[in-house]
């Protein structure tokens, strides 16, 4: 499944004022291991970010964690809540 995503989708990250790719987004397979019941182990896919400068790769979930990006995450959540509150008046 990850190979199909990567074959047909391209995602790149740029700085806002430049045209150089700083990172690529793609998918990779991983084994989900159920710690309580090993019978429920299965393979799944997850998004990864690969930085062009040094080819280092991280899963999106591990890279954008609550510790390193706490302020950004809080701001995004606050913005999401503000838009949800605003949109309810537009839909009614």
PDB file of N, CA and C in Angstrom:
ATOM      1  N   UNK A   1       0.825  -1.176   0.000  1.00  0.00           N
ATOM      2  CA  UNK A   1       0.000   0.000   0.000  1.00  0.00           C
ATOM      3  C   UNK A   1       0.886   1.263   0.000  1.00  0.00           C
ATOM      4  N   UNK A   2       1.957   1.253   0.790  1.00  0.00           N
ATOM      5  CA  UNK A   2       2.856   2.418   0.833  1.00  0.00           C
ATOM      6  C   UNK A   2       3.473   2.669  -0.537  1.00  0.00           C
ATOM      7  N   UNK A   3       3.844   1.613  -1.242  1.00  0.00           N
ATOM      8  CA  UNK A   3       4.436   1.772  -2.578  1.00  0.00           C
ATOM      9  C   UNK A   3       3.443   2.403  -3.551  1.00  0.00           C
ATOM     10  N   UNK A   4       2.171   2.040  -3.447  1.00  0.00           N
ATOM     11  CA  UNK A   4       1.154   2.634  -4.324  1.00  0.00           C
ATOM     12  C   UNK A   4       0.980   4.113  -4.026  1.00  0.00           C
ATOM     13  N   UNK A   5       0.915   4.471  -2.748  1.00  0.00           N
ATOM     14  CA  UNK A   5       0.835   5.895  -2.392  1.00  0.00           C
ATOM     15  C   UNK A   5       2.014   6.663  -2.965  1.00  0.00           C
ATOM     16  N   UNK A   6       3.208   6.129  -2.767  1.00  0.00           N
ATOM     17  CA  UNK A   6       4.420   6.828  -3.204  1.00  0.00           C
ATOM     18  C   UNK A   6       4.525   6.906  -4.725  1.00  0.00           C
ATOM     19  N   UNK A   7       3.976   5.922  -5.427  1.00  0.00           N
ATOM     20  CA  UNK A   7       4.032   5.928  -6.891  1.00  0.00           C
ATOM     21  C   UNK A   7       3.129   7.009  -7.488  1.00  0.00           C
ATOM     22  N   UNK A   8       1.951   7.206  -6.901  1.00  0.00           N
ATOM     23  CA  UNK A   8       0.961   8.089  -7.512  1.00  0.00           C
ATOM     24  C   UNK A   8       0.797   9.445  -6.827  1.00  0.00           C
ATOM     25  N   UNK A   9       1.503   9.674  -5.736  1.00  0.00           N
ATOM     26  CA  UNK A   9       1.404  10.948  -5.018  1.00  0.00           C
ATOM     27  C   UNK A   9       2.771  11.549  -4.780  1.00  0.00           C
ATOM     28  N   UNK A  10       2.859  12.851  -4.924  1.00  0.00           N
ATOM     29  CA  UNK A  10       4.081  13.583  -4.633  1.00  0.00           C
ATOM     30  C   UNK A  10       3.729  14.730  -3.704  1.00  0.00           C
ATOM     31  N   UNK A  11       4.482  14.848  -2.618  1.00  0.00           N
ATOM     32  CA  UNK A  11       4.262  15.955  -1.685  1.00  0.00           C
ATOM     33  C   UNK A  11       5.621  16.503  -1.274  1.00  0.00           C
ATOM     34  N   UNK A  12       5.769  17.813  -1.406  1.00  0.00           N
ATOM     35  CA  UNK A  12       7.027  18.469  -1.081  1.00  0.00           C
ATOM     36  C   UNK A  12       6.758  19.676  -0.192  1.00  0.00           C
ATOM     37  N   UNK A  13       7.714  19.976   0.668  1.00  0.00           N
ATOM     38  CA  UNK A  13       7.604  21.147   1.538  1.00  0.00           C
ATOM     39  C   UNK A  13       8.622  22.189   1.103  1.00  0.00           C
ATOM     40  N   UNK A  14       8.174  23.445   1.068  1.00  0.00           N
ATOM     41  CA  UNK A  14       9.006  24.576   0.672  1.00  0.00           C
ATOM     42  C   UNK A  14       8.927  25.636   1.758  1.00  0.00           C
ATOM     43  N   UNK A  15       9.971  26.474   1.834  1.00  0.00           N
ATOM     44  CA  UNK A  15       9.841  27.690   2.621  1.00  0.00           C
ATOM     45  C   UNK A  15       8.914  28.623   1.864  1.00  0.00           C
ATOM     46  N   UNK A  16       8.234  29.514   2.554  1.00  0.00           N
ATOM     47  CA  UNK A  16       7.231  30.353   1.916  1.00  0.00           C
ATOM     48  C   UNK A  16       7.812  31.300   0.876  1.00  0.00           C
ATOM     49  N   UNK A  17       9.057  31.702   1.038  1.00  0.00           N
ATOM     50  CA  UNK A  17       9.615  32.676   0.103  1.00  0.00           C
ATOM     51  C   UNK A  17      10.668  32.077  -0.829  1.00  0.00           C
ATOM     52  N   UNK A  18      10.669  30.778  -1.007  1.00  0.00           N
ATOM     53  CA  UNK A  18      11.666  30.156  -1.861  1.00  0.00           C
ATOM     54  C   UNK A  18      11.078  29.071  -2.727  1.00  0.00           C
ATOM     55  N   UNK A  19      11.911  28.563  -3.625  1.00  0.00           N
ATOM     56  CA  UNK A  19      11.444  27.482  -4.486  1.00  0.00           C
ATOM     57  C   UNK A  19      12.287  26.225  -4.325  1.00  0.00           C
ATOM     58  N   UNK A  20      13.094  26.157  -3.264  1.00  0.00           N
ATOM     59  CA  UNK A  20      13.880  24.959  -2.986  1.00  0.00           C
ATOM     60  C   UNK A  20      13.094  24.016  -2.084  1.00  0.00           C
ATOM     61  N   UNK A  21      13.064  22.759  -2.473  1.00  0.00           N
ATOM     62  CA  UNK A  21      12.386  21.751  -1.662  1.00  0.00           C
ATOM     63  C   UNK A  21      13.202  21.538  -0.393  1.00  0.00           C
ATOM     64  N   UNK A  22      12.541  21.624   0.771  1.00  0.00           N
ATOM     65  CA  UNK A  22      13.258  21.353   2.019  1.00  0.00           C
ATOM     66  C   UNK A  22      12.990  19.943   2.536  1.00  0.00           C
ATOM     67  N   UNK A  23      11.840  19.378   2.146  1.00  0.00           N
ATOM     68  CA  UNK A  23      11.517  18.026   2.595  1.00  0.00           C
ATOM     69  C   UNK A  23      10.498  17.404   1.653  1.00  0.00           C
ATOM     70  N   UNK A  24      10.499  16.092   1.649  1.00  0.00           N
ATOM     71  CA  UNK A  24       9.519  15.315   0.884  1.00  0.00           C
ATOM     72  C   UNK A  24       8.670  14.522   1.859  1.00  0.00           C
ATOM     73  N   UNK A  25       7.412  14.371   1.519  1.00  0.00           N
ATOM     74  CA  UNK A  25       6.511  13.548   2.315  1.00  0.00           C
ATOM     75  C   UNK A  25       6.199  12.289   1.524  1.00  0.00           C
ATOM     76  N   UNK A  26       6.216  11.170   2.206  1.00  0.00           N
ATOM     77  CA  UNK A  26       5.893   9.900   1.562  1.00  0.00           C
ATOM     78  C   UNK A  26       5.309   8.966   2.612  1.00  0.00           C
ATOM     79  N   UNK A  27       5.047   7.745   2.214  1.00  0.00           N
ATOM     80  CA  UNK A  27       4.461   6.759   3.119  1.00  0.00           C
ATOM     81  C   UNK A  27       5.432   5.594   3.290  1.00  0.00           C
ATOM     82  N   UNK A  28       5.383   4.962   4.461  1.00  0.00           N
ATOM     83  CA  UNK A  28       6.172   3.762   4.697  1.00  0.00           C
ATOM     84  C   UNK A  28       5.342   2.752   5.470  1.00  0.00           C
ATOM     85  N   UNK A  29       5.704   1.496   5.329  1.00  0.00           N
ATOM     86  CA  UNK A  29       5.036   0.426   6.070  1.00  0.00           C
ATOM     87  C   UNK A  29       5.657   0.315   7.454  1.00  0.00           C
ATOM     88  N   UNK A  30       4.860  -0.118   8.411  1.00  0.00           N
ATOM     89  CA  UNK A  30       5.390  -0.426   9.735  1.00  0.00           C
ATOM     90  C   UNK A  30       4.531  -1.514  10.366  1.00  0.00           C
ATOM     91  N   UNK A  31       5.123  -2.221  11.298  1.00  0.00           N
ATOM     92  CA  UNK A  31       4.415  -3.281  11.991  1.00  0.00           C
ATOM     93  C   UNK A  31       3.806  -2.716  13.262  1.00  0.00           C
ATOM     94  N   UNK A  32       2.491  -2.779  13.367  1.00  0.00           N
ATOM     95  CA  UNK A  32       1.805  -2.381  14.592  1.00  0.00           C
ATOM     96  C   UNK A  32       1.770  -3.606  15.492  1.00  0.00           C
ATOM     97  N   UNK A  33       2.371  -3.490  16.664  1.00  0.00           N
ATOM     98  CA  UNK A  33       2.421  -4.607  17.596  1.00  0.00           C
ATOM     99  C   UNK A  33       1.527  -4.322  18.798  1.00  0.00           C
ATOM    100  N   UNK A  34       0.512  -5.143  18.968  1.00  0.00           N
ATOM    101  CA  UNK A  34      -0.403  -5.015  20.091  1.00  0.00           C
ATOM    102  C   UNK A  34       0.270  -5.627  21.318  1.00  0.00           C
ATOM    103  N   UNK A  35       0.512  -4.813  22.318  1.00  0.00           N
ATOM    104  CA  UNK A  35       1.232  -5.288  23.500  1.00  0.00           C
ATOM    105  C   UNK A  35       0.392  -6.223  24.365  1.00  0.00           C
ATOM    106  N   UNK A  36      -0.929  -6.135  24.245  1.00  0.00           N
ATOM    107  CA  UNK A  36      -1.794  -6.983  25.056  1.00  0.00           C
ATOM    108  C   UNK A  36      -2.146  -8.300  24.373  1.00  0.00           C
ATOM    109  N   UNK A  37      -2.249  -8.271  23.062  1.00  0.00           N
ATOM    110  CA  UNK A  37      -2.625  -9.477  22.338  1.00  0.00           C
ATOM    111  C   UNK A  37      -1.836  -9.554  21.036  1.00  0.00           C
ATOM    112  N   UNK A  38      -0.749 -10.294  21.023  1.00  0.00           N
ATOM    113  CA  UNK A  38       0.090 -10.391  19.816  1.00  0.00           C
ATOM    114  C   UNK A  38      -0.626 -10.932  18.585  1.00  0.00           C
ATOM    115  N   UNK A  39      -1.793 -11.559  18.759  1.00  0.00           N
ATOM    116  CA  UNK A  39      -2.558 -12.037  17.608  1.00  0.00           C
ATOM    117  C   UNK A  39      -3.066 -10.882  16.760  1.00  0.00           C
ATOM    118  N   UNK A  40      -3.124  -9.693  17.328  1.00  0.00           N
ATOM    119  CA  UNK A  40      -3.634  -8.532  16.615  1.00  0.00           C
ATOM    120  C   UNK A  40      -2.539  -7.672  16.000  1.00  0.00           C
ATOM    121  N   UNK A  41      -1.318  -8.193  15.880  1.00  0.00           N
ATOM    122  CA  UNK A  41      -0.257  -7.470  15.183  1.00  0.00           C
ATOM    123  C   UNK A  41      -0.600  -7.404  13.700  1.00  0.00           C
ATOM    124  N   UNK A  42      -0.315  -6.255  13.079  1.00  0.00           N
ATOM    125  CA  UNK A  42      -0.591  -6.110  11.651  1.00  0.00           C
ATOM    126  C   UNK A  42       0.299  -5.018  11.069  1.00  0.00           C
ATOM    127  N   UNK A  43       0.411  -5.029   9.741  1.00  0.00           N
ATOM    128  CA  UNK A  43       1.163  -3.989   9.049  1.00  0.00           C
ATOM    129  C   UNK A  43       0.214  -2.862   8.644  1.00  0.00           C
ATOM    130  N   UNK A  44       0.724  -1.647   8.760  1.00  0.00           N
ATOM    131  CA  UNK A  44      -0.050  -0.466   8.391  1.00  0.00           C
ATOM    132  C   UNK A  44       0.903   0.495   7.690  1.00  0.00           C
ATOM    133  N   UNK A  45       0.407   1.624   7.238  1.00  0.00           N
ATOM    134  CA  UNK A  45       1.254   2.638   6.609  1.00  0.00           C
ATOM    135  C   UNK A  45       1.195   3.920   7.430  1.00  0.00           C
ATOM    136  N   UNK A  46       2.278   4.684   7.368  1.00  0.00           N
ATOM    137  CA  UNK A  46       2.338   5.960   8.065  1.00  0.00           C
ATOM    138  C   UNK A  46       3.079   6.966   7.197  1.00  0.00           C
ATOM    139  N   UNK A  47       2.724   8.239   7.333  1.00  0.00           N
ATOM    140  CA  UNK A  47       3.444   9.274   6.582  1.00  0.00           C
ATOM    141  C   UNK A  47       4.807   9.545   7.212  1.00  0.00           C
ATOM    142  N   UNK A  48       5.792   9.788   6.355  1.00  0.00           N
ATOM    143  CA  UNK A  48       7.126  10.142   6.829  1.00  0.00           C
ATOM    144  C   UNK A  48       7.580  11.427   6.143  1.00  0.00           C
ATOM    145  N   UNK A  49       8.466  12.132   6.805  1.00  0.00           N
ATOM    146  CA  UNK A  49       9.068  13.339   6.263  1.00  0.00           C
ATOM    147  C   UNK A  49      10.558  13.053   6.081  1.00  0.00           C
ATOM    148  N   UNK A  50      11.084  13.363   4.889  1.00  0.00           N
ATOM    149  CA  UNK A  50      12.496  13.168   4.588  1.00  0.00           C
ATOM    150  C   UNK A  50      13.088  14.510   4.196  1.00  0.00           C
ATOM    151  N   UNK A  51      14.084  14.953   4.965  1.00  0.00           N
ATOM    152  CA  UNK A  51      14.711  16.241   4.707  1.00  0.00           C
ATOM    153  C   UNK A  51      15.770  16.116   3.619  1.00  0.00           C
ATOM    154  N   UNK A  52      15.718  17.027   2.649  1.00  0.00           N
ATOM    155  CA  UNK A  52      16.607  16.993   1.492  1.00  0.00           C
ATOM    156  C   UNK A  52      18.062  17.220   1.906  1.00  0.00           C
ATOM    157  N   UNK A  53      18.285  18.087   2.884  1.00  0.00           N
ATOM    158  CA  UNK A  53      19.643  18.480   3.256  1.00  0.00           C
ATOM    159  C   UNK A  53      20.514  17.313   3.709  1.00  0.00           C
ATOM    160  N   UNK A  54      19.933  16.363   4.447  1.00  0.00           N
ATOM    161  CA  UNK A  54      20.751  15.253   4.951  1.00  0.00           C
ATOM    162  C   UNK A  54      20.103  13.881   4.759  1.00  0.00           C
ATOM    163  N   UNK A  55      18.968  13.848   4.059  1.00  0.00           N
ATOM    164  CA  UNK A  55      18.230  12.613   3.777  1.00  0.00           C
ATOM    165  C   UNK A  55      17.744  11.904   5.046  1.00  0.00           C
ATOM    166  N   UNK A  56      17.655  12.628   6.167  1.00  0.00           N
ATOM    167  CA  UNK A  56      17.123  12.023   7.393  1.00  0.00           C
ATOM    168  C   UNK A  56      15.606  11.898   7.270  1.00  0.00           C
ATOM    169  N   UNK A  57      15.073  10.804   7.789  1.00  0.00           N
ATOM    170  CA  UNK A  57      13.640  10.526   7.704  1.00  0.00           C
ATOM    171  C   UNK A  57      13.067  10.292   9.086  1.00  0.00           C
ATOM    172  N   UNK A  58      11.834  10.784   9.275  1.00  0.00           N
ATOM    173  CA  UNK A  58      11.125  10.619  10.530  1.00  0.00           C
ATOM    174  C   UNK A  58       9.649  10.388  10.221  1.00  0.00           C
ATOM    175  N   UNK A  59       8.990   9.608  11.069  1.00  0.00           N
ATOM    176  CA  UNK A  59       7.544   9.531  10.916  1.00  0.00           C
ATOM    177  C   UNK A  59       6.978  10.888  11.315  1.00  0.00           C
ATOM    178  N   UNK A  60       5.893  11.278  10.693  1.00  0.00           N
ATOM    179  CA  UNK A  60       5.264  12.564  11.010  1.00  0.00           C
ATOM    180  C   UNK A  60       4.896  12.608  12.493  1.00  0.00           C
ATOM    181  N   UNK A  61       4.375  11.503  13.001  1.00  0.00           N
ATOM    182  CA  UNK A  61       3.944  11.455  14.398  1.00  0.00           C
ATOM    183  C   UNK A  61       5.116  11.637  15.358  1.00  0.00           C
ATOM    184  N   UNK A  62       6.262  11.044  15.053  1.00  0.00           N
ATOM    185  CA  UNK A  62       7.405  11.183  15.963  1.00  0.00           C
ATOM    186  C   UNK A  62       8.090  12.534  15.814  1.00  0.00           C
ATOM    187  N   UNK A  63       8.083  13.111  14.613  1.00  0.00           N
ATOM    188  CA  UNK A  63       8.767  14.390  14.395  1.00  0.00           C
ATOM    189  C   UNK A  63       7.991  15.555  14.991  1.00  0.00           C
ATOM    190  N   UNK A  64       6.695  15.588  14.750  1.00  0.00           N
ATOM    191  CA  UNK A  64       5.852  16.663  15.256  1.00  0.00           C
ATOM    192  C   UNK A  64       5.203  16.233  16.579  1.00  0.00           C
ATOM    193  N   UNK A  65       6.037  15.999  17.576  1.00  0.00           N
ATOM    194  CA  UNK A  65       5.517  15.551  18.865  1.00  0.00           C
ATOM    195  C   UNK A  65       5.064  16.721  19.733  1.00  0.00           C
ATOM    196  N   UNK A  66       4.393  16.400  20.815  1.00  0.00           N
ATOM    197  CA  UNK A  66       3.844  17.429  21.705  1.00  0.00           C
ATOM    198  C   UNK A  66       4.922  18.245  22.409  1.00  0.00           C
ATOM    199  N   UNK A  67       6.097  17.699  22.592  1.00  0.00           N
ATOM    200  CA  UNK A  67       7.157  18.408  23.306  1.00  0.00           C
ATOM    201  C   UNK A  67       7.819  19.442  22.400  1.00  0.00           C
ATOM    202  N   UNK A  68       8.252  19.023  21.222  1.00  0.00           N
ATOM    203  CA  UNK A  68       8.983  19.917  20.324  1.00  0.00           C
ATOM    204  C   UNK A  68       8.100  20.978  19.689  1.00  0.00           C
ATOM    205  N   UNK A  69       6.857  20.662  19.435  1.00  0.00           N
ATOM    206  CA  UNK A  69       5.968  21.564  18.708  1.00  0.00           C
ATOM    207  C   UNK A  69       4.735  21.927  19.525  1.00  0.00           C
ATOM    208  N   UNK A  70       4.886  21.971  20.841  1.00  0.00           N
ATOM    209  CA  UNK A  70       3.741  22.223  21.712  1.00  0.00           C
ATOM    210  C   UNK A  70       3.037  23.533  21.380  1.00  0.00           C
ATOM    211  N   UNK A  71       3.798  24.619  21.205  1.00  0.00           N
ATOM    212  CA  UNK A  71       3.178  25.910  20.902  1.00  0.00           C
ATOM    213  C   UNK A  71       2.459  25.885  19.555  1.00  0.00           C
ATOM    214  N   UNK A  72       3.084  25.266  18.562  1.00  0.00           N
ATOM    215  CA  UNK A  72       2.456  25.168  17.245  1.00  0.00           C
ATOM    216  C   UNK A  72       1.187  24.330  17.302  1.00  0.00           C
ATOM    217  N   UNK A  73       1.244  23.220  18.010  1.00  0.00           N
ATOM    218  CA  UNK A  73       0.078  22.347  18.131  1.00  0.00           C
ATOM    219  C   UNK A  73      -1.053  23.080  18.843  1.00  0.00           C
ATOM    220  N   UNK A  74      -0.723  23.766  19.925  1.00  0.00           N
ATOM    221  CA  UNK A  74      -1.758  24.521  20.646  1.00  0.00           C
ATOM    222  C   UNK A  74      -2.362  25.608  19.769  1.00  0.00           C
ATOM    223  N   UNK A  75      -1.527  26.316  19.012  1.00  0.00           N
ATOM    224  CA  UNK A  75      -2.033  27.361  18.117  1.00  0.00           C
ATOM    225  C   UNK A  75      -2.941  26.777  17.048  1.00  0.00           C
ATOM    226  N   UNK A  76      -2.541  25.646  16.468  1.00  0.00           N
ATOM    227  CA  UNK A  76      -3.363  24.998  15.441  1.00  0.00           C
ATOM    228  C   UNK A  76      -4.694  24.531  16.023  1.00  0.00           C
ATOM    229  N   UNK A  77      -4.666  23.976  17.223  1.00  0.00           N
ATOM    230  CA  UNK A  77      -5.906  23.537  17.856  1.00  0.00           C
ATOM    231  C   UNK A  77      -6.810  24.722  18.172  1.00  0.00           C
ATOM    232  N   UNK A  78      -6.225  25.824  18.665  1.00  0.00           N
ATOM    233  CA  UNK A  78      -7.011  27.028  18.950  1.00  0.00           C
ATOM    234  C   UNK A  78      -7.638  27.591  17.673  1.00  0.00           C
ATOM    235  N   UNK A  79      -6.863  27.615  16.599  1.00  0.00           N
ATOM    236  CA  UNK A  79      -7.373  28.105  15.327  1.00  0.00           C
ATOM    237  C   UNK A  79      -8.506  27.214  14.818  1.00  0.00           C
ATOM    238  N   UNK A  80      -8.330  25.915  14.941  1.00  0.00           N
ATOM    239  CA  UNK A  80      -9.368  24.967  14.524  1.00  0.00           C
ATOM    240  C   UNK A  80     -10.657  25.207  15.302  1.00  0.00           C
ATOM    241  N   UNK A  81     -10.540  25.379  16.615  1.00  0.00           N
ATOM    242  CA  UNK A  81     -11.729  25.627  17.434  1.00  0.00           C
ATOM    243  C   UNK A  81     -12.399  26.946  17.060  1.00  0.00           C
ATOM    244  N   UNK A  82     -11.588  27.976  16.785  1.00  0.00           N
ATOM    245  CA  UNK A  82     -12.156  29.268  16.400  1.00  0.00           C
ATOM    246  C   UNK A  82     -12.938  29.150  15.097  1.00  0.00           C
ATOM    247  N   UNK A  83     -12.382  28.430  14.119  1.00  0.00           N
ATOM    248  CA  UNK A  83     -13.097  28.253  12.853  1.00  0.00           C
ATOM    249  C   UNK A  83     -14.349  27.400  13.030  1.00  0.00           C
ATOM    250  N   UNK A  84     -14.279  26.371  13.863  1.00  0.00           N
ATOM    251  CA  UNK A  84     -15.470  25.560  14.109  1.00  0.00           C
ATOM    252  C   UNK A  84     -16.570  26.406  14.722  1.00  0.00           C
ATOM    253  N   UNK A  85     -16.196  27.258  15.680  1.00  0.00           N
ATOM    254  CA  UNK A  85     -17.186  28.140  16.299  1.00  0.00           C
ATOM    255  C   UNK A  85     -17.765  29.116  15.274  1.00  0.00           C
ATOM    256  N   UNK A  86     -16.912  29.640  14.411  1.00  0.00           N
ATOM    257  CA  UNK A  86     -17.351  30.602  13.392  1.00  0.00           C
ATOM    258  C   UNK A  86     -18.233  29.934  12.339  1.00  0.00           C
ATOM    259  N   UNK A  87     -17.839  28.741  11.890  1.00  0.00           N
ATOM    260  CA  UNK A  87     -18.573  28.067  10.814  1.00  0.00           C
ATOM    261  C   UNK A  87     -19.964  27.652  11.234  1.00  0.00           C
ATOM    262  N   UNK A  88     -20.181  27.399  12.506  1.00  0.00           N
ATOM    263  CA  UNK A  88     -21.528  26.999  12.926  1.00  0.00           C
ATOM    264  C   UNK A  88     -22.540  28.093  12.640  1.00  0.00           C
ATOM    265  N   UNK A  89     -22.116  29.364  12.668  1.00  0.00           N
ATOM    266  CA  UNK A  89     -23.025  30.461  12.361  1.00  0.00           C
ATOM    267  C   UNK A  89     -23.300  30.595  10.865  1.00  0.00           C
ATOM    268  N   UNK A  90     -22.372  30.126  10.045  1.00  0.00           N
ATOM    269  CA  UNK A  90     -22.560  30.182   8.602  1.00  0.00           C
ATOM    270  C   UNK A  90     -23.464  29.073   8.082  1.00  0.00           C
ATOM    271  N   UNK A  91     -23.473  27.956   8.775  1.00  0.00           N
ATOM    272  CA  UNK A  91     -24.225  26.788   8.335  1.00  0.00           C
ATOM    273  C   UNK A  91     -25.682  26.865   8.754  1.00  0.00           C
ATOM    274  N   UNK A  92     -25.947  27.481   9.877  1.00  0.00           N
ATOM    275  CA  UNK A  92     -27.324  27.524  10.395  1.00  0.00           C
ATOM    276  C   UNK A  92     -28.249  28.323   9.529  1.00  0.00           C
TER     277      UNK A  92
END
